[in-house]
PDB file of N, CA and C in Angstrom:
ATOM      1  N   MET A   1     -47.419  29.008  19.681  1.00  0.00           N
ATOM      2  CA  MET A   1     -46.846  28.893  18.557  1.00  0.00           C
ATOM      3  C   MET A   1     -45.676  29.045  18.493  1.00  0.00           C
ATOM      4  N   THR A   2     -44.859  30.500  18.642  1.00  0.00           N
ATOM      5  CA  THR A   2     -43.752  30.241  18.661  1.00  0.00           C
ATOM      6  C   THR A   2     -43.088  29.688  19.915  1.00  0.00           C
ATOM      7  N   MET A   3     -43.495  29.092  20.648  1.00  0.00           N
ATOM      8  CA  MET A   3     -42.594  28.070  21.143  1.00  0.00           C
ATOM      9  C   MET A   3     -42.286  26.820  20.792  1.00  0.00           C
ATOM     10  N   LYS A   4     -43.149  26.493  19.626  1.00  0.00           N
ATOM     11  CA  LYS A   4     -43.242  25.067  18.799  1.00  0.00           C
ATOM     12  C   LYS A   4     -42.127  25.775  17.875  1.00  0.00           C
ATOM     13  N   ILE A   5     -42.339  26.881  17.263  1.00  0.00           N
ATOM     14  CA  ILE A   5     -41.170  27.241  15.962  1.00  0.00           C
ATOM     15  C   ILE A   5     -39.832  26.453  16.646  1.00  0.00           C
ATOM     16  N   ARG A   6     -39.497  27.669  18.057  1.00  0.00           N
ATOM     17  CA  ARG A   6     -38.302  27.454  18.821  1.00  0.00           C
ATOM     18  C   ARG A   6     -37.525  26.420  19.025  1.00  0.00           C
ATOM     19  N   HIS A   7     -38.418  25.096  19.408  1.00  0.00           N
ATOM     20  CA  HIS A   7     -38.120  23.924  19.613  1.00  0.00           C
ATOM     21  C   HIS A   7     -37.857  23.610  18.219  1.00  0.00           C
ATOM     22  N   GLY A   8     -38.462  23.992  17.320  1.00  0.00           N
ATOM     23  CA  GLY A   8     -38.282  23.259  16.110  1.00  0.00           C
ATOM     24  C   GLY A   8     -36.775  23.984  15.153  1.00  0.00           C
ATOM     25  N   ARG A   9     -36.494  24.700  15.675  1.00  0.00           N
ATOM     26  CA  ARG A   9     -35.089  25.291  15.224  1.00  0.00           C
ATOM     27  C   ARG A   9     -34.079  24.581  15.977  1.00  0.00           C
ATOM     28  N   PHE A  10     -34.256  24.476  17.242  1.00  0.00           N
ATOM     29  CA  PHE A  10     -33.371  24.058  18.017  1.00  0.00           C
ATOM     30  C   PHE A  10     -32.796  22.826  17.446  1.00  0.00           C
ATOM     31  N   TYR A  11     -34.137  21.685  17.447  1.00  0.00           N
ATOM     32  CA  TYR A  11     -33.691  20.698  16.907  1.00  0.00           C
ATOM     33  C   TYR A  11     -33.133  20.889  15.536  1.00  0.00           C
ATOM     34  N   THR A  12     -33.523  21.561  14.646  1.00  0.00           N
ATOM     35  CA  THR A  12     -32.854  20.936  13.452  1.00  0.00           C
ATOM     36  C   THR A  12     -31.374  22.126  13.245  1.00  0.00           C
ATOM     37  N   LYS A  13     -31.274  23.233  13.789  1.00  0.00           N
ATOM     38  CA  LYS A  13     -29.698  23.568  14.598  1.00  0.00           C
ATOM     39  C   LYS A  13     -29.093  22.174  15.371  1.00  0.00           C
ATOM     40  N   LEU A  14     -29.493  21.019  16.019  1.00  0.00           N
ATOM     41  CA  LEU A  14     -29.071  20.304  16.700  1.00  0.00           C
ATOM     42  C   LEU A  14     -28.767  19.090  15.444  1.00  0.00           C
ATOM     43  N   VAL A  15     -29.487  18.855  14.805  1.00  0.00           N
ATOM     44  CA  VAL A  15     -29.008  17.220  13.513  1.00  0.00           C
ATOM     45  C   VAL A  15     -28.429  18.571  13.334  1.00  0.00           C
ATOM     46  N   VAL A  16     -28.357  19.034  11.926  1.00  0.00           N
ATOM     47  CA  VAL A  16     -27.341  20.433  11.130  1.00  0.00           C
ATOM     48  C   VAL A  16     -25.853  19.997  11.965  1.00  0.00           C
ATOM     49  N   ILE A  17     -25.791  19.769  13.479  1.00  0.00           N
ATOM     50  CA  ILE A  17     -24.349  20.359  13.773  1.00  0.00           C
ATOM     51  C   ILE A  17     -24.020  18.401  14.022  1.00  0.00           C
ATOM     52  N   PHE A  18     -25.131  18.124  14.722  1.00  0.00           N
ATOM     53  CA  PHE A  18     -24.737  16.400  14.761  1.00  0.00           C
ATOM     54  C   PHE A  18     -24.044  16.127  13.889  1.00  0.00           C
ATOM     55  N   VAL A  19     -24.847  16.211  12.067  1.00  0.00           N
ATOM     56  CA  VAL A  19     -24.526  15.451  11.091  1.00  0.00           C
ATOM     57  C   VAL A  19     -23.088  16.749  10.514  1.00  0.00           C
ATOM     58  N   ALA A  20     -23.321  17.506  10.676  1.00  0.00           N
ATOM     59  CA  ALA A  20     -21.607  18.261  10.660  1.00  0.00           C
ATOM     60  C   ALA A  20     -20.593  16.952  11.385  1.00  0.00           C
ATOM     61  N   ILE A  21     -20.510  17.174  12.508  1.00  0.00           N
ATOM     62  CA  ILE A  21     -20.019  16.376  13.460  1.00  0.00           C
ATOM     63  C   ILE A  21     -19.305  14.823  12.940  1.00  0.00           C
ATOM     64  N   LEU A  22     -20.474  14.191  12.194  1.00  0.00           N
ATOM     65  CA  LEU A  22     -20.090  12.751  12.514  1.00  0.00           C
ATOM     66  C   LEU A  22     -19.877  12.735  10.800  1.00  0.00           C
ATOM     67  N   THR A  23     -19.658  14.103  10.184  1.00  0.00           N
ATOM     68  CA  THR A  23     -19.383  13.993   8.443  1.00  0.00           C
ATOM     69  C   THR A  23     -17.788  14.426   8.833  1.00  0.00           C
ATOM     70  N   LEU A  24     -17.420  15.130   9.741  1.00  0.00           N
ATOM     71  CA  LEU A  24     -15.884  15.220  10.227  1.00  0.00           C
ATOM     72  C   LEU A  24     -15.287  14.005  10.451  1.00  0.00           C
ATOM     73  N   THR A  25     -15.883  13.303  11.643  1.00  0.00           N
ATOM     74  CA  THR A  25     -14.795  12.387  12.108  1.00  0.00           C
ATOM     75  C   THR A  25     -15.041  11.110  10.997  1.00  0.00           C
ATOM     76  N   GLY A  26     -16.269  10.635  10.431  1.00  0.00           N
ATOM     77  CA  GLY A  26     -15.676   9.746   9.055  1.00  0.00           C
ATOM     78  C   GLY A  26     -14.688  10.148   8.390  1.00  0.00           C
ATOM     79  N   TYR A  27     -14.458  11.755   7.844  1.00  0.00           N
ATOM     80  CA  TYR A  27     -13.510  12.069   6.969  1.00  0.00           C
ATOM     81  C   TYR A  27     -12.079  11.575   7.684  1.00  0.00           C
ATOM     82  N   ALA A  28     -12.011  11.940   8.819  1.00  0.00           N
ATOM     83  CA  ALA A  28     -10.648  12.199   9.390  1.00  0.00           C
ATOM     84  C   ALA A  28     -10.438  10.884   9.908  1.00  0.00           C
ATOM     85  N   VAL A  29     -11.228  10.082   9.889  1.00  0.00           N
ATOM     86  CA  VAL A  29     -10.887   8.432   9.923  1.00  0.00           C
ATOM     87  C   VAL A  29     -10.398   7.780   8.518  1.00  0.00           C
ATOM     88  N   PHE A  30     -11.095   8.116   7.429  1.00  0.00           N
ATOM     89  CA  PHE A  30     -11.011   7.740   5.822  1.00  0.00           C
ATOM     90  C   PHE A  30      -9.151   8.468   5.523  1.00  0.00           C
ATOM     91  N   GLU A  31      -9.116   9.569   6.518  1.00  0.00           N
ATOM     92  CA  GLU A  31      -7.875  10.145   6.078  1.00  0.00           C
ATOM     93  C   GLU A  31      -6.600   9.719   6.513  1.00  0.00           C
ATOM     94  N   THR A  32      -6.903   9.376   8.322  1.00  0.00           N
ATOM     95  CA  THR A  32      -5.660   8.442   8.551  1.00  0.00           C
ATOM     96  C   THR A  32      -5.613   7.210   8.831  1.00  0.00           C
ATOM     97  N   GLU A  33      -6.429   6.174   7.930  1.00  0.00           N
ATOM     98  CA  GLU A  33      -6.622   4.868   7.632  1.00  0.00           C
ATOM     99  C   GLU A  33      -5.600   3.839   7.267  1.00  0.00           C
ATOM    100  N   ALA A  34      -4.607   5.048   6.360  1.00  0.00           N
ATOM    101  CA  ALA A  34      -3.539   4.487   5.387  1.00  0.00           C
ATOM    102  C   ALA A  34      -2.215   5.021   6.476  1.00  0.00           C
ATOM    103  N   LEU A  35      -2.249   5.857   8.058  1.00  0.00           N
ATOM    104  CA  LEU A  35      -1.349   6.024   8.441  1.00  0.00           C
ATOM    105  C   LEU A  35      -1.661   4.669   9.875  1.00  0.00           C
ATOM    106  N   PHE A  36      -2.522   4.373   9.501  1.00  0.00           N
ATOM    107  CA  PHE A  36      -2.656   3.100  11.133  1.00  0.00           C
ATOM    108  C   PHE A  36      -2.568   1.445  10.268  1.00  0.00           C
ATOM    109  N   SER A  37      -2.782   1.247   8.760  1.00  0.00           N
ATOM    110  CA  SER A  37      -2.638   0.042   7.848  1.00  0.00           C
ATOM    111  C   SER A  37      -0.723  -0.230   7.929  1.00  0.00           C
ATOM    112  N   GLY A  38      -0.387   0.316   8.127  1.00  0.00           N
ATOM    113  CA  GLY A  38       1.134  -0.241   7.495  1.00  0.00           C
ATOM    114  C   GLY A  38       1.220   0.066   6.097  1.00  0.00           C
ATOM    115  N   PRO A  39       2.328  -0.395   5.942  1.00  0.00           N
ATOM    116  CA  PRO A  39       3.423  -0.156   4.485  1.00  0.00           C
ATOM    117  C   PRO A  39       2.141  -1.237   3.835  1.00  0.00           C
ATOM    118  N   GLN A  40       2.299  -0.906   2.198  1.00  0.00           N
ATOM    119  CA  GLN A  40       1.448  -2.073   1.682  1.00  0.00           C
ATOM    120  C   GLN A  40       1.989  -2.124   0.454  1.00  0.00           C
ATOM    121  N   ILE A  41       2.334  -3.628   0.138  1.00  0.00           N
ATOM    122  CA  ILE A  41       3.027  -4.010  -1.275  1.00  0.00           C
ATOM    123  C   ILE A  41       1.879  -4.949  -2.495  1.00  0.00           C
ATOM    124  N   SER A  42       2.465  -4.130  -3.680  1.00  0.00           N
ATOM    125  CA  SER A  42       1.471  -5.064  -5.261  1.00  0.00           C
ATOM    126  C   SER A  42       2.942  -4.980  -5.733  1.00  0.00           C
ATOM    127  N   ILE A  43       2.989  -6.426  -6.290  1.00  0.00           N
ATOM    128  CA  ILE A  43       3.614  -6.649  -7.443  1.00  0.00           C
ATOM    129  C   ILE A  43       2.717  -6.930  -8.445  1.00  0.00           C
ATOM    130  N   ASN A  44       3.428  -6.241  -9.737  1.00  0.00           N
ATOM    131  CA  ASN A  44       2.688  -6.505 -10.882  1.00  0.00           C
ATOM    132  C   ASN A  44       3.259  -7.815 -11.960  1.00  0.00           C
ATOM    133  N   LEU A  45       4.655  -7.431 -11.620  1.00  0.00           N
ATOM    134  CA  LEU A  45       6.013  -7.983 -12.260  1.00  0.00           C
ATOM    135  C   LEU A  45       6.560  -9.185 -11.795  1.00  0.00           C
ATOM    136  N   PRO A  46       6.947 -10.015 -11.581  1.00  0.00           N
ATOM    137  CA  PRO A  46       6.493 -11.098 -12.712  1.00  0.00           C
ATOM    138  C   PRO A  46       5.008 -11.288 -12.386  1.00  0.00           C
ATOM    139  N   LYS A  47       4.785 -11.949 -13.776  1.00  0.00           N
ATOM    140  CA  LYS A  47       3.044 -11.702 -12.876  1.00  0.00           C
ATOM    141  C   LYS A  47       2.701 -12.708 -12.758  1.00  0.00           C
ATOM    142  N   THR A  48       1.757 -13.250 -11.808  1.00  0.00           N
ATOM    143  CA  THR A  48       1.281 -14.515 -10.695  1.00  0.00           C
ATOM    144  C   THR A  48       1.358 -15.400 -11.462  1.00  0.00           C
ATOM    145  N   GLY A  49       1.688 -16.955 -11.037  1.00  0.00           N
ATOM    146  CA  GLY A  49       1.841 -17.930 -11.590  1.00  0.00           C
ATOM    147  C   GLY A  49       3.273 -18.172 -12.848  1.00  0.00           C
ATOM    148  N   ALA A  50       3.998 -16.907 -13.076  1.00  0.00           N
ATOM    149  CA  ALA A  50       5.152 -17.375 -13.722  1.00  0.00           C
ATOM    150  C   ALA A  50       6.072 -17.314 -13.210  1.00  0.00           C
ATOM    151  N   THR A  51       6.247 -18.487 -12.596  1.00  0.00           N
ATOM    152  CA  THR A  51       7.190 -18.621 -11.683  1.00  0.00           C
ATOM    153  C   THR A  51       8.576 -19.373 -12.678  1.00  0.00           C
ATOM    154  N   ALA A  52       8.603 -19.639 -13.565  1.00  0.00           N
ATOM    155  CA  ALA A  52       9.745 -20.787 -14.706  1.00  0.00           C
ATOM    156  C   ALA A  52      10.051 -19.275 -15.772  1.00  0.00           C
ATOM    157  N   VAL A  53      10.673 -19.028 -15.652  1.00  0.00           N
ATOM    158  CA  VAL A  53      11.546 -18.369 -16.534  1.00  0.00           C
ATOM    159  C   VAL A  53      12.657 -19.104 -17.756  1.00  0.00           C
ATOM    160  N   LYS A  54      13.083 -18.568 -18.617  1.00  0.00           N
ATOM    161  CA  LYS A  54      14.589 -18.489 -19.462  1.00  0.00           C
ATOM    162  C   LYS A  54      15.405 -17.130 -19.650  1.00  0.00           C
ATOM    163  N   GLU A  55      14.880 -16.778 -19.045  1.00  0.00           N
ATOM    164  CA  GLU A  55      15.890 -14.991 -19.424  1.00  0.00           C
ATOM    165  C   GLU A  55      16.508 -14.996 -17.921  1.00  0.00           C
ATOM    166  N   PRO A  56      17.933 -14.649 -18.028  1.00  0.00           N
ATOM    167  CA  PRO A  56      18.717 -14.092 -16.887  1.00  0.00           C
ATOM    168  C   PRO A  56      18.073 -12.945 -16.398  1.00  0.00           C
ATOM    169  N   LEU A  57      17.411 -12.012 -17.034  1.00  0.00           N
ATOM    170  CA  LEU A  57      17.574 -11.287 -16.044  1.00  0.00           C
ATOM    171  C   LEU A  57      15.771 -10.657 -16.073  1.00  0.00           C
ATOM    172  N   LEU A  58      15.402 -11.302 -15.129  1.00  0.00           N
ATOM    173  CA  LEU A  58      13.819 -10.628 -14.550  1.00  0.00           C
ATOM    174  C   LEU A  58      13.458  -9.107 -14.247  1.00  0.00           C
ATOM    175  N   LYS A  59      12.764  -8.553 -15.210  1.00  0.00           N
ATOM    176  CA  LYS A  59      12.250  -7.435 -14.655  1.00  0.00           C
ATOM    177  C   LYS A  59      10.953  -7.405 -13.584  1.00  0.00           C
ATOM    178  N   MET A  60      11.436  -6.817 -12.335  1.00  0.00           N
ATOM    179  CA  MET A  60      10.533  -6.984 -11.219  1.00  0.00           C
ATOM    180  C   MET A  60       9.936  -5.691 -11.681  1.00  0.00           C
ATOM    181  N   GLY A  61       8.377  -5.230 -11.061  1.00  0.00           N
ATOM    182  CA  GLY A  61       7.556  -3.916 -10.759  1.00  0.00           C
ATOM    183  C   GLY A  61       6.686  -4.170  -9.943  1.00  0.00           C
ATOM    184  N   GLY A  62       6.025  -2.762  -9.311  1.00  0.00           N
ATOM    185  CA  GLY A  62       4.686  -3.021  -8.860  1.00  0.00           C
ATOM    186  C   GLY A  62       4.632  -1.461  -8.114  1.00  0.00           C
ATOM    187  N   VAL A  63       3.849  -2.008  -7.243  1.00  0.00           N
ATOM    188  CA  VAL A  63       3.651  -0.596  -5.890  1.00  0.00           C
ATOM    189  C   VAL A  63       3.679  -0.537  -4.519  1.00  0.00           C
ATOM    190  N   ILE A  64       4.663   0.439  -4.308  1.00  0.00           N
ATOM    191  CA  ILE A  64       4.467   0.234  -2.873  1.00  0.00           C
ATOM    192  C   ILE A  64       3.414   1.418  -2.440  1.00  0.00           C
ATOM    193  N   LYS A  65       2.791   1.552  -0.915  1.00  0.00           N
ATOM    194  CA  LYS A  65       1.991   2.188  -0.056  1.00  0.00           C
ATOM    195  C   LYS A  65       2.563   2.328   1.094  1.00  0.00           C
ATOM    196  N   ASN A  66       2.137   3.568   1.694  1.00  0.00           N
ATOM    197  CA  ASN A  66       2.678   4.171   3.045  1.00  0.00           C
ATOM    198  C   ASN A  66       3.968   3.175   3.202  1.00  0.00           C
ATOM    199  N   ALA A  67       4.824   3.360   2.609  1.00  0.00           N
ATOM    200  CA  ALA A  67       6.122   2.358   3.020  1.00  0.00           C
ATOM    201  C   ALA A  67       7.421   4.079   2.946  1.00  0.00           C
ATOM    202  N   SER A  68       8.297   4.051   4.020  1.00  0.00           N
ATOM    203  CA  SER A  68       9.471   4.984   4.068  1.00  0.00           C
ATOM    204  C   SER A  68      11.146   4.782   3.356  1.00  0.00           C
ATOM    205  N   PHE A  69      11.088   3.108   2.953  1.00  0.00           N
ATOM    206  CA  PHE A  69      12.217   2.773   2.987  1.00  0.00           C
ATOM    207  C   PHE A  69      11.649   1.183   2.202  1.00  0.00           C
ATOM    208  N   VAL A  70      12.009   0.634   1.249  1.00  0.00           N
ATOM    209  CA  VAL A  70      11.938  -0.165   0.213  1.00  0.00           C
ATOM    210  C   VAL A  70      13.348  -0.973   0.116  1.00  0.00           C
ATOM    211  N   TYR A  71      13.594  -2.515   0.206  1.00  0.00           N
ATOM    212  CA  TYR A  71      14.286  -3.114   0.337  1.00  0.00           C
ATOM    213  C   TYR A  71      14.076  -4.529  -0.558  1.00  0.00           C
ATOM    214  N   LEU A  72      14.589  -4.926  -1.817  1.00  0.00           N
ATOM    215  CA  LEU A  72      14.449  -5.805  -2.943  1.00  0.00           C
ATOM    216  C   LEU A  72      16.023  -6.695  -2.416  1.00  0.00           C
ATOM    217  N   ASN A  73      15.937  -7.663  -1.946  1.00  0.00           N
ATOM    218  CA  ASN A  73      16.849  -8.553  -1.418  1.00  0.00           C
ATOM    219  C   ASN A  73      17.742  -8.184  -0.607  1.00  0.00           C
ATOM    220  N   ASP A  74      17.123  -6.929   0.349  1.00  0.00           N
ATOM    221  CA  ASP A  74      17.954  -6.193   1.343  1.00  0.00           C
ATOM    222  C   ASP A  74      19.251  -5.137   0.667  1.00  0.00           C
ATOM    223  N   ARG A  75      18.623  -4.829  -0.292  1.00  0.00           N
ATOM    224  CA  ARG A  75      19.267  -4.013  -1.105  1.00  0.00           C
ATOM    225  C   ARG A  75      18.205  -2.544  -1.074  1.00  0.00           C
ATOM    226  N   GLN A  76      18.264  -1.467  -1.018  1.00  0.00           N
ATOM    227  CA  GLN A  76      17.306  -0.355  -0.822  1.00  0.00           C
ATOM    228  C   GLN A  76      17.341   0.326  -2.092  1.00  0.00           C
ATOM    229  N   ILE A  77      15.656  -0.023  -2.769  1.00  0.00           N
ATOM    230  CA  ILE A  77      15.039   0.238  -4.049  1.00  0.00           C
ATOM    231  C   ILE A  77      14.547   1.500  -3.965  1.00  0.00           C
ATOM    232  N   PHE A  78      13.773   2.425  -4.647  1.00  0.00           N
ATOM    233  CA  PHE A  78      13.272   3.469  -4.364  1.00  0.00           C
ATOM    234  C   PHE A  78      12.188   3.611  -5.741  1.00  0.00           C
ATOM    235  N   ALA A  79      11.237   3.997  -4.933  1.00  0.00           N
ATOM    236  CA  ALA A  79      10.046   4.523  -5.813  1.00  0.00           C
ATOM    237  C   ALA A  79       9.331   5.810  -6.543  1.00  0.00           C
ATOM    238  N   ASP A  80       8.790   5.599  -7.050  1.00  0.00           N
ATOM    239  CA  ASP A  80       8.216   7.231  -7.769  1.00  0.00           C
ATOM    240  C   ASP A  80       7.577   7.931  -6.759  1.00  0.00           C
ATOM    241  N   GLU A  81       6.780   9.133  -6.731  1.00  0.00           N
ATOM    242  CA  GLU A  81       5.912   9.456  -5.902  1.00  0.00           C
ATOM    243  C   GLU A  81       4.911   8.988  -6.083  1.00  0.00           C
ATOM    244  N   ASN A  82       4.255   8.268  -6.979  1.00  0.00           N
ATOM    245  CA  ASN A  82       3.197   7.825  -7.165  1.00  0.00           C
ATOM    246  C   ASN A  82       3.044   6.061  -6.235  1.00  0.00           C
ATOM    247  N   GLY A  83       4.379   5.777  -5.786  1.00  0.00           N
ATOM    248  CA  GLY A  83       4.593   4.798  -5.483  1.00  0.00           C
ATOM    249  C   GLY A  83       4.825   3.390  -5.979  1.00  0.00           C
ATOM    250  N   PHE A  84       5.279   3.892  -7.706  1.00  0.00           N
ATOM    251  CA  PHE A  84       5.323   2.651  -8.258  1.00  0.00           C
ATOM    252  C   PHE A  84       7.224   2.248  -8.544  1.00  0.00           C
ATOM    253  N   PHE A  85       7.298   1.448  -8.712  1.00  0.00           N
ATOM    254  CA  PHE A  85       9.126   0.734  -8.874  1.00  0.00           C
ATOM    255  C   PHE A  85       8.535  -0.031  -9.826  1.00  0.00           C
ATOM    256  N   SER A  86      10.138  -0.111 -10.282  1.00  0.00           N
ATOM    257  CA  SER A  86      10.958  -1.042 -11.050  1.00  0.00           C
ATOM    258  C   SER A  86      12.271  -1.508 -10.893  1.00  0.00           C
ATOM    259  N   GLU A  87      12.647  -2.590 -11.321  1.00  0.00           N
ATOM    260  CA  GLU A  87      13.782  -3.011 -10.746  1.00  0.00           C
ATOM    261  C   GLU A  87      14.097  -4.467 -11.886  1.00  0.00           C
ATOM    262  N   LYS A  88      15.312  -4.893 -12.482  1.00  0.00           N
ATOM    263  CA  LYS A  88      16.183  -5.602 -12.461  1.00  0.00           C
ATOM    264  C   LYS A  88      16.456  -6.474 -12.075  1.00  0.00           C
ATOM    265  N   LEU A  89      16.770  -8.293 -11.978  1.00  0.00           N
ATOM    266  CA  LEU A  89      17.703  -8.608 -11.081  1.00  0.00           C
ATOM    267  C   LEU A  89      18.056  -9.710 -12.102  1.00  0.00           C
ATOM    268  N   LEU A  90      19.301  -9.998 -11.824  1.00  0.00           N
ATOM    269  CA  LEU A  90      19.814 -10.957 -12.652  1.00  0.00           C
ATOM    270  C   LEU A  90      19.284 -12.537 -11.359  1.00  0.00           C
ATOM    271  N   LEU A  91      19.259 -13.097 -12.426  1.00  0.00           N
ATOM    272  CA  LEU A  91      18.496 -14.640 -12.026  1.00  0.00           C
ATOM    273  C   LEU A  91      19.919 -15.359 -11.920  1.00  0.00           C
ATOM    274  N   ALA A  92      20.213 -16.407 -10.589  1.00  0.00           N
ATOM    275  CA  ALA A  92      20.962 -17.619 -11.039  1.00  0.00           C
ATOM    276  C   ALA A  92      20.425 -18.621 -11.696  1.00  0.00           C
ATOM    277  N   LYS A  93      20.886 -19.602 -12.133  1.00  0.00           N
ATOM    278  CA  LYS A  93      20.520 -21.066 -12.865  1.00  0.00           C
ATOM    279  C   LYS A  93      19.400 -21.930 -11.906  1.00  0.00           C
ATOM    280  N   GLY A  94      18.637 -22.015 -11.868  1.00  0.00           N
ATOM    281  CA  GLY A  94      17.635 -22.843 -10.934  1.00  0.00           C
ATOM    282  C   GLY A  94      16.595 -22.134  -9.934  1.00  0.00           C
ATOM    283  N   TYR A  95      16.525 -22.374  -8.803  1.00  0.00           N
ATOM    284  CA  TYR A  95      15.560 -21.901  -7.792  1.00  0.00           C
ATOM    285  C   TYR A  95      16.449 -20.285  -7.221  1.00  0.00           C
ATOM    286  N   ASN A  96      15.193 -18.940  -7.676  1.00  0.00           N
ATOM    287  CA  ASN A  96      15.885 -17.801  -6.540  1.00  0.00           C
ATOM    288  C   ASN A  96      14.462 -17.793  -5.725  1.00  0.00           C
ATOM    289  N   ILE A  97      14.921 -16.856  -4.775  1.00  0.00           N
ATOM    290  CA  ILE A  97      13.653 -16.256  -4.241  1.00  0.00           C
ATOM    291  C   ILE A  97      13.857 -15.191  -3.562  1.00  0.00           C
ATOM    292  N   ILE A  98      13.241 -14.447  -4.046  1.00  0.00           N
ATOM    293  CA  ILE A  98      13.491 -13.007  -4.071  1.00  0.00           C
ATOM    294  C   ILE A  98      12.441 -12.540  -3.338  1.00  0.00           C
ATOM    295  N   THR A  99      12.758 -11.308  -2.601  1.00  0.00           N
ATOM    296  CA  THR A  99      12.212 -10.442  -1.292  1.00  0.00           C
ATOM    297  C   THR A  99      11.877  -9.481  -1.452  1.00  0.00           C
ATOM    298  N   LEU A 100      10.263  -8.826  -1.400  1.00  0.00           N
ATOM    299  CA  LEU A 100      10.721  -7.409  -0.950  1.00  0.00           C
ATOM    300  C   LEU A 100      10.019  -6.791  -0.119  1.00  0.00           C
ATOM    301  N   ARG A 101      10.694  -6.080   0.906  1.00  0.00           N
ATOM    302  CA  ARG A 101      10.373  -5.211   1.920  1.00  0.00           C
ATOM    303  C   ARG A 101      10.109  -4.313   2.347  1.00  0.00           C
ATOM    304  N   ALA A 102       9.000  -3.965   2.885  1.00  0.00           N
ATOM    305  CA  ALA A 102       8.821  -1.824   2.599  1.00  0.00           C
ATOM    306  C   ALA A 102       8.391  -2.046   4.416  1.00  0.00           C
ATOM    307  N   LYS A 103       9.548  -0.481   4.339  1.00  0.00           N
ATOM    308  CA  LYS A 103       8.934  -0.156   6.348  1.00  0.00           C
ATOM    309  C   LYS A 103       8.813   1.151   6.379  1.00  0.00           C
ATOM    310  N   ASP A 104       7.487   1.694   7.112  1.00  0.00           N
ATOM    311  CA  ASP A 104       7.396   2.796   7.626  1.00  0.00           C
ATOM    312  C   ASP A 104       8.214   3.483   8.484  1.00  0.00           C
ATOM    313  N   ARG A 105       7.590   4.016   8.556  1.00  0.00           N
ATOM    314  CA  ARG A 105       7.973   5.552   9.556  1.00  0.00           C
ATOM    315  C   ARG A 105       8.124   5.282  10.879  1.00  0.00           C
ATOM    316  N   PHE A 106       6.727   4.039  11.196  1.00  0.00           N
ATOM    317  CA  PHE A 106       6.552   4.026  12.995  1.00  0.00           C
ATOM    318  C   PHE A 106       7.210   2.210  13.161  1.00  0.00           C
ATOM    319  N   ASN A 107       8.160   1.952  11.712  1.00  0.00           N
ATOM    320  CA  ASN A 107       8.929   1.122  11.727  1.00  0.00           C
ATOM    321  C   ASN A 107       7.953  -0.657  11.743  1.00  0.00           C
ATOM    322  N   ARG A 108       6.957  -0.134  11.380  1.00  0.00           N
ATOM    323  CA  ARG A 108       6.308  -1.406  11.001  1.00  0.00           C
ATOM    324  C   ARG A 108       6.371  -1.734   9.714  1.00  0.00           C
ATOM    325  N   GLU A 109       7.147  -3.195   9.411  1.00  0.00           N
ATOM    326  CA  GLU A 109       6.904  -4.015   8.386  1.00  0.00           C
ATOM    327  C   GLU A 109       6.368  -5.106   7.491  1.00  0.00           C
ATOM    328  N   LYS A 110       6.187  -5.124   6.223  1.00  0.00           N
ATOM    329  CA  LYS A 110       5.608  -5.823   5.723  1.00  0.00           C
ATOM    330  C   LYS A 110       6.732  -6.747   4.307  1.00  0.00           C
ATOM    331  N   LYS A 111       6.293  -7.962   4.222  1.00  0.00           N
ATOM    332  CA  LYS A 111       7.765  -8.415   3.215  1.00  0.00           C
ATOM    333  C   LYS A 111       6.512  -9.055   2.059  1.00  0.00           C
ATOM    334  N   LYS A 112       7.041  -9.343   0.915  1.00  0.00           N
ATOM    335  CA  LYS A 112       6.526 -10.225   0.209  1.00  0.00           C
ATOM    336  C   LYS A 112       7.064 -11.082  -0.367  1.00  0.00           C
ATOM    337  N   THR A 113       7.271 -12.168  -1.066  1.00  0.00           N
ATOM    338  CA  THR A 113       8.619 -13.455  -0.940  1.00  0.00           C
ATOM    339  C   THR A 113       8.438 -13.595  -2.596  1.00  0.00           C
ATOM    340  N   ILE A 114       8.525 -14.162  -3.420  1.00  0.00           N
ATOM    341  CA  ILE A 114       8.342 -14.153  -4.629  1.00  0.00           C
ATOM    342  C   ILE A 114       9.526 -15.981  -5.027  1.00  0.00           C
ATOM    343  N   GLU A 115       8.941 -16.910  -5.236  1.00  0.00           N
ATOM    344  CA  GLU A 115       9.993 -18.206  -6.295  1.00  0.00           C
ATOM    345  C   GLU A 115       9.856 -18.292  -7.594  1.00  0.00           C
ATOM    346  N   VAL A 116      11.503 -17.566  -8.017  1.00  0.00           N
ATOM    347  CA  VAL A 116      11.281 -18.127  -9.451  1.00  0.00           C
ATOM    348  C   VAL A 116      12.073 -19.346  -9.925  1.00  0.00           C
ATOM    349  N   VAL A 117      11.811 -20.337 -10.883  1.00  0.00           N
ATOM    350  CA  VAL A 117      12.869 -20.694 -11.347  1.00  0.00           C
ATOM    351  C   VAL A 117      13.485 -20.519 -12.467  1.00  0.00           C
ATOM    352  N   ARG A 118      14.591 -20.585 -12.624  1.00  0.00           N
ATOM    353  CA  ARG A 118      15.360 -20.238 -14.117  1.00  0.00           C
ATOM    354  C   ARG A 118      15.526 -21.484 -15.185  1.00  0.00           C
ATOM    355  N   LEU A 119      14.796 -21.793 -15.950  1.00  0.00           N
ATOM    356  CA  LEU A 119      15.151 -22.832 -16.946  1.00  0.00           C
ATOM    357  C   LEU A 119      16.388 -22.707 -17.551  1.00  0.00           C
ATOM    358  N   PRO A 120      16.986 -24.152 -17.698  1.00  0.00           N
ATOM    359  CA  PRO A 120      18.445 -23.994 -18.640  1.00  0.00           C
ATOM    360  C   PRO A 120      17.739 -23.562 -20.002  1.00  0.00           C
ATOM    361  N   ILE A 121      19.071 -22.684 -20.502  1.00  0.00           N
ATOM    362  CA  ILE A 121      18.073 -22.587 -22.068  1.00  0.00           C
ATOM    363  C   ILE A 121      18.559 -23.903 -23.004  1.00  0.00           C
TER     364      ILE A 121
END
């Protein structure tokens, strides 16, 4: 009888240790996923589909994650501690190409391009 109890305790401890290791491994993967995925860019302004504007001044904003450096048309811009950025651009008449690049500390880069047409007033 005591032999069965010892085996039961052994297997219980083994299962608890296995679950703890599995939980710690899952948590480590969850926390380091952002490190391996590289920079992420989300543009909120201008709204999707709003590619024709009349105003010469365009407000651009969004969120950058996992990036050390951010460039808007090859000019470095800065995001706040939550990754939010907001910039104003003076558009030329006609067709404009706006490029947003984010680079992380491992030199991985993501790029998003927006095409905007400034209509004549």
